Amino acid sequence: MVSYFINIGFGNVVASHRIVSVISPESAPVKRLIQESKDQGNLIDATYGRRTRAVIVMDSGHLVLTPLQPETIAHRLHTKEEVHE
C-alpha cells in the first residue's frame, strides 16, 4: 500500500492509509462521538478556531476535526490515489 499525506487545512496533514472515514459533524451521533473522543483525549482539533466541516476517523481511534468539507477531502484522496497508481 502506498502511503502519502493529505492536506486537511492550514498546513496540517494526515496519513491517507490511516483514514477510516470522513464524515459530516452535523448529526447528533457524530456530536456525541466527538464529545466522547474529547473526554478520552483522542480528539485532534485542526480547525484553528474555524467551524468544523468534517470529522476524519482514523484507524487508531482518533478523530480529527477539519475546516474542509468532506467532499474536498475525498477529492484530495481520490486525486492522490490516481497520481500514485
PDB file of N, CA and C in Angstrom:
ATOM      1  N   MET A   1       0.841  -1.183   0.000  1.00  0.00           N
ATOM      2  CA  MET A   1       0.000   0.000   0.000  1.00  0.00           C
ATOM      3  C   MET A   1       0.888   1.248   0.000  1.00  0.00           C
ATOM      4  N   VAL A   2       0.565   2.190  -0.857  1.00  0.00           N
ATOM      5  CA  VAL A   2       1.317   3.427  -0.956  1.00  0.00           C
ATOM      6  C   VAL A   2       0.857   4.380   0.152  1.00  0.00           C
ATOM      7  N   SER A   3       1.820   4.973   0.827  1.00  0.00           N
ATOM      8  CA  SER A   3       1.497   5.905   1.895  1.00  0.00           C
ATOM      9  C   SER A   3       1.784   7.321   1.432  1.00  0.00           C
ATOM     10  N   TYR A   4       0.829   8.202   1.605  1.00  0.00           N
ATOM     11  CA  TYR A   4       1.011   9.609   1.291  1.00  0.00           C
ATOM     12  C   TYR A   4       0.168  10.428   2.259  1.00  0.00           C
ATOM     13  N   PHE A   5       0.407  11.721   2.283  1.00  0.00           N
ATOM     14  CA  PHE A   5      -0.276  12.608   3.218  1.00  0.00           C
ATOM     15  C   PHE A   5      -1.272  13.494   2.482  1.00  0.00           C
ATOM     16  N   ILE A   6      -2.391  13.767   3.157  1.00  0.00           N
ATOM     17  CA  ILE A   6      -3.447  14.614   2.628  1.00  0.00           C
ATOM     18  C   ILE A   6      -3.486  15.893   3.440  1.00  0.00           C
ATOM     19  N   ASN A   7      -3.482  17.038   2.765  1.00  0.00           N
ATOM     20  CA  ASN A   7      -3.594  18.332   3.434  1.00  0.00           C
ATOM     21  C   ASN A   7      -5.033  18.503   3.915  1.00  0.00           C
ATOM     22  N   ILE A   8      -5.206  18.769   5.220  1.00  0.00           N
ATOM     23  CA  ILE A   8      -6.545  18.949   5.783  1.00  0.00           C
ATOM     24  C   ILE A   8      -6.788  20.392   6.214  1.00  0.00           C
ATOM     25  N   GLY A   9      -5.945  21.294   5.744  1.00  0.00           N
ATOM     26  CA  GLY A   9      -6.127  22.714   6.023  1.00  0.00           C
ATOM     27  C   GLY A   9      -5.068  23.281   6.935  1.00  0.00           C
ATOM     28  N   PHE A  10      -4.677  24.519   6.665  1.00  0.00           N
ATOM     29  CA  PHE A  10      -3.711  25.268   7.472  1.00  0.00           C
ATOM     30  C   PHE A  10      -2.374  24.552   7.614  1.00  0.00           C
ATOM     31  N   GLY A  11      -1.986  23.809   6.589  1.00  0.00           N
ATOM     32  CA  GLY A  11      -0.699  23.128   6.599  1.00  0.00           C
ATOM     33  C   GLY A  11      -0.679  21.834   7.393  1.00  0.00           C
ATOM     34  N   ASN A  12      -1.812  21.394   7.883  1.00  0.00           N
ATOM     35  CA  ASN A  12      -1.899  20.128   8.612  1.00  0.00           C
ATOM     36  C   ASN A  12      -2.147  18.994   7.628  1.00  0.00           C
ATOM     37  N   VAL A  13      -1.562  17.846   7.913  1.00  0.00           N
ATOM     38  CA  VAL A  13      -1.713  16.693   7.038  1.00  0.00           C
ATOM     39  C   VAL A  13      -2.021  15.442   7.858  1.00  0.00           C
ATOM     40  N   VAL A  14      -2.673  14.471   7.213  1.00  0.00           N
ATOM     41  CA  VAL A  14      -2.901  13.159   7.820  1.00  0.00           C
ATOM     42  C   VAL A  14      -2.456  12.089   6.836  1.00  0.00           C
ATOM     43  N   ALA A  15      -2.048  10.951   7.372  1.00  0.00           N
ATOM     44  CA  ALA A  15      -1.626   9.833   6.534  1.00  0.00           C
ATOM     45  C   ALA A  15      -2.855   9.198   5.905  1.00  0.00           C
ATOM     46  N   SER A  16      -2.864   9.114   4.599  1.00  0.00           N
ATOM     47  CA  SER A  16      -4.044   8.628   3.873  1.00  0.00           C
ATOM     48  C   SER A  16      -4.391   7.184   4.212  1.00  0.00           C
ATOM     49  N   HIS A  17      -3.395   6.358   4.430  1.00  0.00           N
ATOM     50  CA  HIS A  17      -3.670   4.946   4.693  1.00  0.00           C
ATOM     51  C   HIS A  17      -4.242   4.704   6.083  1.00  0.00           C
ATOM     52  N   ARG A  18      -4.263   5.720   6.935  1.00  0.00           N
ATOM     53  CA  ARG A  18      -4.805   5.582   8.294  1.00  0.00           C
ATOM     54  C   ARG A  18      -6.249   6.066   8.396  1.00  0.00           C
ATOM     55  N   ILE A  19      -6.791   6.674   7.334  1.00  0.00           N
ATOM     56  CA  ILE A  19      -8.152   7.207   7.355  1.00  0.00           C
ATOM     57  C   ILE A  19      -9.164   6.076   7.187  1.00  0.00           C
ATOM     58  N   VAL A  20     -10.131   6.026   8.113  1.00  0.00           N
ATOM     59  CA  VAL A  20     -11.216   5.049   8.031  1.00  0.00           C
ATOM     60  C   VAL A  20     -12.401   5.674   7.319  1.00  0.00           C
ATOM     61  N   SER A  21     -12.763   6.906   7.706  1.00  0.00           N
ATOM     62  CA  SER A  21     -13.879   7.587   7.056  1.00  0.00           C
ATOM     63  C   SER A  21     -13.777   9.091   7.260  1.00  0.00           C
ATOM     64  N   VAL A  22     -14.505   9.813   6.419  1.00  0.00           N
ATOM     65  CA  VAL A  22     -14.621  11.269   6.517  1.00  0.00           C
ATOM     66  C   VAL A  22     -16.115  11.564   6.581  1.00  0.00           C
ATOM     67  N   ILE A  23     -16.566  12.161   7.695  1.00  0.00           N
ATOM     68  CA  ILE A  23     -17.991  12.350   7.909  1.00  0.00           C
ATOM     69  C   ILE A  23     -18.317  13.794   8.262  1.00  0.00           C
ATOM     70  N   SER A  24     -19.565  14.148   8.074  1.00  0.00           N
ATOM     71  CA  SER A  24     -20.064  15.474   8.425  1.00  0.00           C
ATOM     72  C   SER A  24     -20.347  15.518   9.923  1.00  0.00           C
ATOM     73  N   PRO A  25     -20.073  16.639  10.579  1.00  0.00           N
ATOM     74  CA  PRO A  25     -20.259  16.733  12.028  1.00  0.00           C
ATOM     75  C   PRO A  25     -21.658  17.153  12.466  1.00  0.00           C
ATOM     76  N   GLU A  26     -22.617  17.185  11.556  1.00  0.00           N
ATOM     77  CA  GLU A  26     -23.927  17.765  11.842  1.00  0.00           C
ATOM     78  C   GLU A  26     -24.850  16.903  12.689  1.00  0.00           C
ATOM     79  N   SER A  27     -24.777  15.592  12.591  1.00  0.00           N
ATOM     80  CA  SER A  27     -25.754  14.737  13.271  1.00  0.00           C
ATOM     81  C   SER A  27     -25.429  14.579  14.756  1.00  0.00           C
ATOM     82  N   ALA A  28     -26.456  14.271  15.526  1.00  0.00           N
ATOM     83  CA  ALA A  28     -26.299  14.090  16.972  1.00  0.00           C
ATOM     84  C   ALA A  28     -25.347  12.935  17.320  1.00  0.00           C
ATOM     85  N   PRO A  29     -25.406  11.786  16.620  1.00  0.00           N
ATOM     86  CA  PRO A  29     -24.455  10.720  16.944  1.00  0.00           C
ATOM     87  C   PRO A  29     -22.992  11.126  16.724  1.00  0.00           C
ATOM     88  N   VAL A  30     -22.739  11.901  15.700  1.00  0.00           N
ATOM     89  CA  VAL A  30     -21.366  12.350  15.443  1.00  0.00           C
ATOM     90  C   VAL A  30     -20.944  13.350  16.519  1.00  0.00           C
ATOM     91  N   LYS A  31     -21.842  14.217  16.921  1.00  0.00           N
ATOM     92  CA  LYS A  31     -21.532  15.160  18.005  1.00  0.00           C
ATOM     93  C   LYS A  31     -21.210  14.420  19.296  1.00  0.00           C
ATOM     94  N   ARG A  32     -21.947  13.340  19.584  1.00  0.00           N
ATOM     95  CA  ARG A  32     -21.648  12.519  20.771  1.00  0.00           C
ATOM     96  C   ARG A  32     -20.286  11.849  20.622  1.00  0.00           C
ATOM     97  N   LEU A  33     -19.987  11.358  19.430  1.00  0.00           N
ATOM     98  CA  LEU A  33     -18.699  10.728  19.157  1.00  0.00           C
ATOM     99  C   LEU A  33     -17.554  11.717  19.390  1.00  0.00           C
ATOM    100  N   ILE A  34     -17.742  12.952  18.946  1.00  0.00           N
ATOM    101  CA  ILE A  34     -16.731  13.996  19.155  1.00  0.00           C
ATOM    102  C   ILE A  34     -16.538  14.255  20.642  1.00  0.00           C
ATOM    103  N   GLN A  35     -17.629  14.379  21.395  1.00  0.00           N
ATOM    104  CA  GLN A  35     -17.532  14.647  22.828  1.00  0.00           C
ATOM    105  C   GLN A  35     -16.851  13.488  23.559  1.00  0.00           C
ATOM    106  N   GLU A  36     -17.195  12.258  23.208  1.00  0.00           N
ATOM    107  CA  GLU A  36     -16.560  11.097  23.826  1.00  0.00           C
ATOM    108  C   GLU A  36     -15.064  11.062  23.523  1.00  0.00           C
ATOM    109  N   SER A  37     -14.712  11.374  22.299  1.00  0.00           N
ATOM    110  CA  SER A  37     -13.306  11.395  21.908  1.00  0.00           C
ATOM    111  C   SER A  37     -12.547  12.484  22.662  1.00  0.00           C
ATOM    112  N   LYS A  38     -13.197  13.620  22.830  1.00  0.00           N
ATOM    113  CA  LYS A  38     -12.582  14.725  23.584  1.00  0.00           C
ATOM    114  C   LYS A  38     -12.346  14.312  25.033  1.00  0.00           C
ATOM    115  N   ASP A  39     -13.333  13.650  25.636  1.00  0.00           N
ATOM    116  CA  ASP A  39     -13.211  13.198  27.021  1.00  0.00           C
ATOM    117  C   ASP A  39     -12.097  12.170  27.193  1.00  0.00           C
ATOM    118  N   GLN A  40     -11.892  11.333  26.180  1.00  0.00           N
ATOM    119  CA  GLN A  40     -10.867  10.291  26.232  1.00  0.00           C
ATOM    120  C   GLN A  40      -9.486  10.793  25.807  1.00  0.00           C
ATOM    121  N   GLY A  41      -9.410  12.012  25.285  1.00  0.00           N
ATOM    122  CA  GLY A  41      -8.129  12.558  24.838  1.00  0.00           C
ATOM    123  C   GLY A  41      -7.724  12.088  23.458  1.00  0.00           C
ATOM    124  N   ASN A  42      -8.687  11.650  22.649  1.00  0.00           N
ATOM    125  CA  ASN A  42      -8.406  11.155  21.302  1.00  0.00           C
ATOM    126  C   ASN A  42      -8.852  12.119  20.214  1.00  0.00           C
ATOM    127  N   LEU A  43      -9.074  13.376  20.573  1.00  0.00           N
ATOM    128  CA  LEU A  43      -9.560  14.362  19.608  1.00  0.00           C
ATOM    129  C   LEU A  43      -8.416  15.269  19.177  1.00  0.00           C
ATOM    130  N   ILE A  44      -8.287  15.455  17.879  1.00  0.00           N
ATOM    131  CA  ILE A  44      -7.290  16.371  17.325  1.00  0.00           C
ATOM    132  C   ILE A  44      -8.050  17.462  16.592  1.00  0.00           C
ATOM    133  N   ASP A  45      -7.944  18.684  17.090  1.00  0.00           N
ATOM    134  CA  ASP A  45      -8.668  19.812  16.508  1.00  0.00           C
ATOM    135  C   ASP A  45      -7.722  20.590  15.601  1.00  0.00           C
ATOM    136  N   ALA A  46      -7.923  20.458  14.288  1.00  0.00           N
ATOM    137  CA  ALA A  46      -7.085  21.143  13.303  1.00  0.00           C
ATOM    138  C   ALA A  46      -7.849  22.272  12.628  1.00  0.00           C
ATOM    139  N   THR A  47      -8.846  22.829  13.319  1.00  0.00           N
ATOM    140  CA  THR A  47      -9.687  23.866  12.724  1.00  0.00           C
ATOM    141  C   THR A  47      -9.146  25.274  12.936  1.00  0.00           C
ATOM    142  N   TYR A  48      -8.238  25.460  13.874  1.00  0.00           N
ATOM    143  CA  TYR A  48      -7.707  26.789  14.196  1.00  0.00           C
ATOM    144  C   TYR A  48      -8.824  27.776  14.513  1.00  0.00           C
ATOM    145  N   GLY A  49      -9.836  27.281  15.236  1.00  0.00           N
ATOM    146  CA  GLY A  49     -10.936  28.143  15.648  1.00  0.00           C
ATOM    147  C   GLY A  49     -12.026  28.333  14.614  1.00  0.00           C
ATOM    148  N   ARG A  50     -11.854  27.766  13.451  1.00  0.00           N
ATOM    149  CA  ARG A  50     -12.879  27.863  12.417  1.00  0.00           C
ATOM    150  C   ARG A  50     -13.967  26.825  12.662  1.00  0.00           C
ATOM    151  N   ARG A  51     -15.024  26.919  11.898  1.00  0.00           N
ATOM    152  CA  ARG A  51     -16.131  25.974  12.006  1.00  0.00           C
ATOM    153  C   ARG A  51     -15.688  24.587  11.523  1.00  0.00           C
ATOM    154  N   THR A  52     -16.054  23.558  12.275  1.00  0.00           N
ATOM    155  CA  THR A  52     -15.757  22.184  11.877  1.00  0.00           C
ATOM    156  C   THR A  52     -16.709  21.767  10.771  1.00  0.00           C
ATOM    157  N   ARG A  53     -16.154  21.382   9.628  1.00  0.00           N
ATOM    158  CA  ARG A  53     -16.983  20.974   8.494  1.00  0.00           C
ATOM    159  C   ARG A  53     -16.845  19.496   8.174  1.00  0.00           C
ATOM    160  N   ALA A  54     -15.801  18.860   8.721  1.00  0.00           N
ATOM    161  CA  ALA A  54     -15.629  17.424   8.508  1.00  0.00           C
ATOM    162  C   ALA A  54     -14.906  16.817   9.705  1.00  0.00           C
ATOM    163  N   VAL A  55     -15.225  15.558   9.962  1.00  0.00           N
ATOM    164  CA  VAL A  55     -14.564  14.785  11.007  1.00  0.00           C
ATOM    165  C   VAL A  55     -13.909  13.594  10.323  1.00  0.00           C
ATOM    166  N   ILE A  56     -12.615  13.447  10.535  1.00  0.00           N
ATOM    167  CA  ILE A  56     -11.876  12.325   9.962  1.00  0.00           C
ATOM    168  C   ILE A  56     -11.683  11.287  11.057  1.00  0.00           C
ATOM    169  N   VAL A  57     -12.152  10.078  10.801  1.00  0.00           N
ATOM    170  CA  VAL A  57     -11.997   8.978  11.745  1.00  0.00           C
ATOM    171  C   VAL A  57     -10.757   8.192  11.329  1.00  0.00           C
ATOM    172  N   MET A  58      -9.820   8.066  12.263  1.00  0.00           N
ATOM    173  CA  MET A  58      -8.560   7.383  11.979  1.00  0.00           C
ATOM    174  C   MET A  58      -8.614   5.948  12.516  1.00  0.00           C
ATOM    175  N   ASP A  59      -7.775   5.074  11.975  1.00  0.00           N
ATOM    176  CA  ASP A  59      -7.775   3.676  12.410  1.00  0.00           C
ATOM    177  C   ASP A  59      -7.253   3.498  13.831  1.00  0.00           C
ATOM    178  N   SER A  60      -6.632   4.513  14.390  1.00  0.00           N
ATOM    179  CA  SER A  60      -6.128   4.467  15.762  1.00  0.00           C
ATOM    180  C   SER A  60      -7.211   4.819  16.778  1.00  0.00           C
ATOM    181  N   GLY A  61      -8.387   5.226  16.284  1.00  0.00           N
ATOM    182  CA  GLY A  61      -9.461   5.645  17.179  1.00  0.00           C
ATOM    183  C   GLY A  61      -9.510   7.144  17.385  1.00  0.00           C
ATOM    184  N   HIS A  62      -8.546   7.865  16.847  1.00  0.00           N
ATOM    185  CA  HIS A  62      -8.535   9.319  16.949  1.00  0.00           C
ATOM    186  C   HIS A  62      -9.547   9.928  15.979  1.00  0.00           C
ATOM    187  N   LEU A  63     -10.074  11.089  16.361  1.00  0.00           N
ATOM    188  CA  LEU A  63     -10.913  11.890  15.478  1.00  0.00           C
ATOM    189  C   LEU A  63     -10.172  13.169  15.183  1.00  0.00           C
ATOM    190  N   VAL A  64     -10.178  13.585  13.938  1.00  0.00           N
ATOM    191  CA  VAL A  64      -9.528  14.818  13.520  1.00  0.00           C
ATOM    192  C   VAL A  64     -10.610  15.756  12.998  1.00  0.00           C
ATOM    193  N   LEU A  65     -10.710  16.939  13.611  1.00  0.00           N
ATOM    194  CA  LEU A  65     -11.662  17.951  13.164  1.00  0.00           C
ATOM    195  C   LEU A  65     -10.971  18.851  12.158  1.00  0.00           C
ATOM    196  N   THR A  66     -11.632  19.119  11.055  1.00  0.00           N
ATOM    197  CA  THR A  66     -11.040  19.933   9.999  1.00  0.00           C
ATOM    198  C   THR A  66     -12.055  20.946   9.463  1.00  0.00           C
ATOM    199  N   PRO A  67     -11.578  22.098   9.003  1.00  0.00           N
ATOM    200  CA  PRO A  67     -12.477  23.110   8.457  1.00  0.00           C
ATOM    201  C   PRO A  67     -12.855  22.859   6.995  1.00  0.00           C
ATOM    202  N   LEU A  68     -12.329  21.812   6.389  1.00  0.00           N
ATOM    203  CA  LEU A  68     -12.639  21.500   4.990  1.00  0.00           C
ATOM    204  C   LEU A  68     -13.900  20.649   4.890  1.00  0.00           C
ATOM    205  N   GLN A  69     -14.596  20.771   3.775  1.00  0.00           N
ATOM    206  CA  GLN A  69     -15.773  19.954   3.509  1.00  0.00           C
ATOM    207  C   GLN A  69     -15.352  18.497   3.286  1.00  0.00           C
ATOM    208  N   PRO A  70     -16.203  17.534   3.663  1.00  0.00           N
ATOM    209  CA  PRO A  70     -15.875  16.126   3.398  1.00  0.00           C
ATOM    210  C   PRO A  70     -15.602  15.855   1.912  1.00  0.00           C
ATOM    211  N   GLU A  71     -16.335  16.539   1.033  1.00  0.00           N
ATOM    212  CA  GLU A  71     -16.143  16.348  -0.411  1.00  0.00           C
ATOM    213  C   GLU A  71     -14.749  16.789  -0.849  1.00  0.00           C
ATOM    214  N   THR A  72     -14.242  17.858  -0.245  1.00  0.00           N
ATOM    215  CA  THR A  72     -12.903  18.353  -0.579  1.00  0.00           C
ATOM    216  C   THR A  72     -11.846  17.334  -0.186  1.00  0.00           C
ATOM    217  N   ILE A  73     -11.988  16.773   1.001  1.00  0.00           N
ATOM    218  CA  ILE A  73     -11.027  15.778   1.474  1.00  0.00           C
ATOM    219  C   ILE A  73     -11.103  14.528   0.596  1.00  0.00           C
ATOM    220  N   ALA A  74     -12.316  14.096   0.274  1.00  0.00           N
ATOM    221  CA  ALA A  74     -12.481  12.922  -0.587  1.00  0.00           C
ATOM    222  C   ALA A  74     -11.854  13.164  -1.952  1.00  0.00           C
ATOM    223  N   HIS A  75     -12.022  14.359  -2.480  1.00  0.00           N
ATOM    224  CA  HIS A  75     -11.435  14.693  -3.781  1.00  0.00           C
ATOM    225  C   HIS A  75      -9.908  14.632  -3.699  1.00  0.00           C
ATOM    226  N   ARG A  76      -9.347  15.164  -2.628  1.00  0.00           N
ATOM    227  CA  ARG A  76      -7.887  15.129  -2.467  1.00  0.00           C
ATOM    228  C   ARG A  76      -7.387  13.695  -2.335  1.00  0.00           C
ATOM    229  N   LEU A  77      -8.132  12.855  -1.621  1.00  0.00           N
ATOM    230  CA  LEU A  77      -7.755  11.446  -1.507  1.00  0.00           C
ATOM    231  C   LEU A  77      -7.787  10.771  -2.875  1.00  0.00           C
ATOM    232  N   HIS A  78      -8.857  11.005  -3.599  1.00  0.00           N
ATOM    233  CA  HIS A  78      -9.024  10.394  -4.926  1.00  0.00           C
ATOM    234  C   HIS A  78      -7.936  10.858  -5.892  1.00  0.00           C
ATOM    235  N   THR A  79      -7.628  12.142  -5.869  1.00  0.00           N
ATOM    236  CA  THR A  79      -6.608  12.703  -6.755  1.00  0.00           C
ATOM    237  C   THR A  79      -5.242  12.104  -6.445  1.00  0.00           C
ATOM    238  N   LYS A  80      -4.902  11.986  -5.172  1.00  0.00           N
ATOM    239  CA  LYS A  80      -3.608  11.414  -4.781  1.00  0.00           C
ATOM    240  C   LYS A  80      -3.518   9.946  -5.205  1.00  0.00           C
ATOM    241  N   GLU A  81      -4.623   9.209  -5.079  1.00  0.00           N
ATOM    242  CA  GLU A  81      -4.624   7.810  -5.485  1.00  0.00           C
ATOM    243  C   GLU A  81      -4.341   7.673  -6.966  1.00  0.00           C
ATOM    244  N   GLU A  82      -4.937   8.539  -7.773  1.00  0.00           N
ATOM    245  CA  GLU A  82      -4.718   8.486  -9.217  1.00  0.00           C
ATOM    246  C   GLU A  82      -3.271   8.790  -9.555  1.00  0.00           C
ATOM    247  N   VAL A  83      -2.664   9.746  -8.863  1.00  0.00           N
ATOM    248  CA  VAL A  83      -1.281  10.130  -9.119  1.00  0.00           C
ATOM    249  C   VAL A  83      -0.329   8.989  -8.774  1.00  0.00           C
ATOM    250  N   HIS A  84      -0.625   8.244  -7.695  1.00  0.00           N
ATOM    251  CA  HIS A  84       0.259   7.200  -7.237  1.00  0.00           C
ATOM    252  C   HIS A  84       0.026   5.854  -7.915  1.00  0.00           C
ATOM    253  N   GLU A  85      -0.945   5.749  -8.798  1.00  0.00           N
ATOM    254  CA  GLU A  85      -1.181   4.467  -9.481  1.00  0.00           C
ATOM    255  C   GLU A  85      -0.334   4.321 -10.716  1.00  0.00           C
TER     256      GLU A  85
END
